[in-house]
Amino acid sequence: MKQKKTTRLHFSEEDMKKPSVKKAASKAEAAADRADRAKERLPVKRKKRLRFEETAAEKPSSLSRKLTHAPGDVLSSQLHQQIGRSNEDENTGVEAAHFAEGSTEGAVRMAGYAGYSRKLKQFEKQRSWNGKQMPQM
């Protein structure tokens, strides 16, 4: 796609005899030249075409998910146990912070599981569609 050149100012010969107009015309010409050079440096937009290949998506492995989440779960549980043991002096502020942290972690874990279960649901739906035949009309 070819870009348009910058529009330039045109002055009559009578106007160009005046020094103030001549100076302004030279500045306008220089500005138009700079604008043209800047337009030439802009990247050219190219049309992009998407190409899709037929590939069967595989159901994600629950074992790999458990392996990736296990270290974080172990560290989290150990940390909560340490906080619980050190909280034996019935400090209400620490108890409240500990409870809020536990609730937040539970909510984050639930949100992660919701996204994962949504992904699994798509695979289950696809498997049920493959087992059924389409009704003939």
Protein backbone atom coordinates (compact mmCIF):
# COMPACT_ATOMS: atom_id res chain seq x y z
CA MET A 1 0.00 0.00 0.00
CA LYS A 2 1.52 3.26 -1.15
CA GLN A 3 1.27 6.13 1.29
CA LYS A 4 0.10 9.55 0.21
CA LYS A 5 2.60 12.37 0.05
CA THR A 6 2.17 15.26 2.41
CA THR A 7 0.18 18.16 1.02
CA ARG A 8 2.32 21.21 0.37
CA LEU A 9 1.52 24.90 0.45
CA HIS A 10 1.56 26.82 -2.82
CA PHE A 11 2.23 30.54 -2.94
CA SER A 12 1.87 33.00 -5.79
CA GLU A 13 4.90 34.88 -7.11
CA GLU A 14 3.61 38.11 -5.60
CA ASP A 15 3.46 36.54 -2.14
CA MET A 16 6.93 35.05 -2.50
CA LYS A 17 8.42 38.55 -2.96
CA LYS A 18 7.59 39.35 0.69
CA PRO A 19 10.40 38.22 3.01
CA SER A 20 8.09 37.07 5.82
CA VAL A 21 6.06 34.86 3.43
CA LYS A 22 9.23 33.54 1.81
CA LYS A 23 10.62 32.52 5.21
CA ALA A 24 7.33 30.85 6.20
CA ALA A 25 7.18 29.04 2.84
CA SER A 26 10.69 27.63 3.30
CA LYS A 27 9.80 26.43 6.82
CA ALA A 28 6.60 24.82 5.53
CA GLU A 29 8.54 23.10 2.73
CA ALA A 30 11.11 21.76 5.22
CA ALA A 31 8.33 20.50 7.50
CA ALA A 32 6.62 18.75 4.59
CA ASP A 33 9.95 17.10 3.64
CA ARG A 34 10.41 15.86 7.22
CA ALA A 35 6.86 14.51 7.25
CA ASP A 36 7.47 12.63 3.97
CA ARG A 37 10.68 11.08 5.35
CA ALA A 38 8.85 10.05 8.52
CA LYS A 39 6.09 8.40 6.48
CA GLU A 40 8.68 6.46 4.49
CA ARG A 41 10.17 5.08 7.69
CA LEU A 42 6.83 3.74 8.91
CA PRO A 43 6.45 -0.04 8.64
CA VAL A 44 4.23 -1.23 5.83
CA LYS A 45 1.15 -3.16 6.86
CA ARG A 46 0.96 -6.52 5.20
CA LYS A 47 -2.06 -8.70 4.87
CA LYS A 48 -1.90 -11.68 7.17
CA ARG A 49 -3.57 -14.95 6.43
CA LEU A 50 -4.26 -17.52 9.05
CA ARG A 51 -3.58 -21.10 8.20
CA PHE A 52 -5.12 -23.84 10.24
CA GLU A 53 -4.08 -27.43 10.27
CA GLU A 54 -6.32 -30.21 11.40
CA THR A 55 -4.74 -31.52 14.57
CA ALA A 56 -6.47 -33.41 17.30
CA ALA A 57 -6.02 -31.76 20.65
CA GLU A 58 -5.08 -34.09 23.44
CA LYS A 59 -6.65 -34.18 26.86
CA PRO A 60 -4.23 -32.67 29.38
CA SER A 61 -2.64 -35.15 31.74
CA SER A 62 -3.87 -34.95 35.32
CA LEU A 63 -0.58 -36.45 36.48
CA SER A 64 1.47 -33.59 35.02
CA ARG A 65 -0.88 -31.10 36.64
CA LYS A 66 -0.47 -32.82 40.01
CA LEU A 67 3.30 -32.87 39.60
CA THR A 68 3.49 -29.16 38.83
CA HIS A 69 1.14 -28.16 41.65
CA ALA A 70 2.52 -30.52 44.32
CA PRO A 71 5.59 -28.48 45.39
CA GLY A 72 3.52 -25.34 45.91
CA ASP A 73 0.89 -27.24 47.86
CA VAL A 74 3.51 -28.82 50.14
CA LEU A 75 5.20 -25.47 50.82
CA SER A 76 1.88 -23.81 51.48
CA SER A 77 0.76 -26.48 53.93
CA GLN A 78 4.11 -26.40 55.79
CA LEU A 79 3.95 -22.63 56.04
CA HIS A 80 0.42 -22.74 57.41
CA GLN A 81 1.43 -25.38 59.96
CA GLN A 82 4.31 -23.21 61.16
CA ILE A 83 2.02 -20.19 61.47
CA GLY A 84 -0.52 -22.31 63.34
CA ARG A 85 2.12 -23.59 65.78
CA SER A 86 3.54 -20.13 66.41
CA ASN A 87 0.02 -18.78 66.86
CA GLU A 88 -0.62 -20.79 70.01
CA ASP A 89 -0.52 -17.66 72.17
CA GLU A 90 -3.99 -16.72 70.88
CA ASN A 91 -2.95 -13.51 69.13
CA THR A 92 -6.16 -12.36 67.42
CA GLY A 93 -4.49 -10.22 64.78
CA VAL A 94 -2.27 -13.05 63.60
CA GLU A 95 -5.23 -15.45 63.61
CA ALA A 96 -7.27 -13.05 61.47
CA ALA A 97 -4.41 -12.56 59.00
CA HIS A 98 -3.84 -16.32 58.83
CA PHE A 99 -7.53 -16.97 58.19
CA ALA A 100 -7.67 -14.27 55.47
CA GLU A 101 -4.58 -15.71 53.79
CA GLY A 102 -6.05 -19.22 53.87
CA SER A 103 -9.32 -17.98 52.38
CA THR A 104 -7.49 -16.13 49.61
CA GLU A 105 -5.39 -19.16 48.75
CA GLY A 106 -8.52 -21.30 48.65
CA ALA A 107 -10.24 -18.86 46.30
CA VAL A 108 -7.21 -18.77 43.98
CA ARG A 109 -7.01 -22.56 43.99
CA MET A 110 -10.75 -22.80 43.24
CA ALA A 111 -10.43 -20.36 40.33
CA GLY A 112 -7.54 -22.36 38.89
CA TYR A 113 -9.49 -25.57 39.20
CA ALA A 114 -12.52 -23.94 37.54
CA GLY A 115 -10.44 -23.04 34.49
CA TYR A 116 -8.93 -26.51 34.36
CA SER A 117 -12.32 -28.21 34.70
CA ARG A 118 -13.69 -26.02 31.90
CA LYS A 119 -10.88 -27.24 29.67
CA LEU A 120 -11.62 -30.85 30.63
CA LYS A 121 -15.32 -30.33 29.98
CA GLN A 122 -14.55 -29.44 26.36
CA PHE A 123 -12.71 -32.73 25.91
CA GLU A 124 -15.57 -34.66 27.51
CA LYS A 125 -18.06 -32.94 25.22
CA GLN A 126 -15.94 -33.75 22.17
CA ARG A 127 -15.67 -37.38 23.25
CA SER A 128 -19.46 -37.60 23.65
CA TRP A 129 -19.98 -36.06 20.21
CA ASN A 130 -17.62 -38.55 18.61
CA GLY A 131 -19.57 -41.44 20.15
CA LYS A 132 -22.95 -40.23 18.88
CA GLN A 133 -24.07 -40.21 15.29
CA MET A 134 -25.63 -37.12 13.80
CA PRO A 135 -29.36 -37.40 13.07
CA GLN A 136 -30.13 -37.84 9.39
CA MET A 137 -32.64 -35.59 7.74
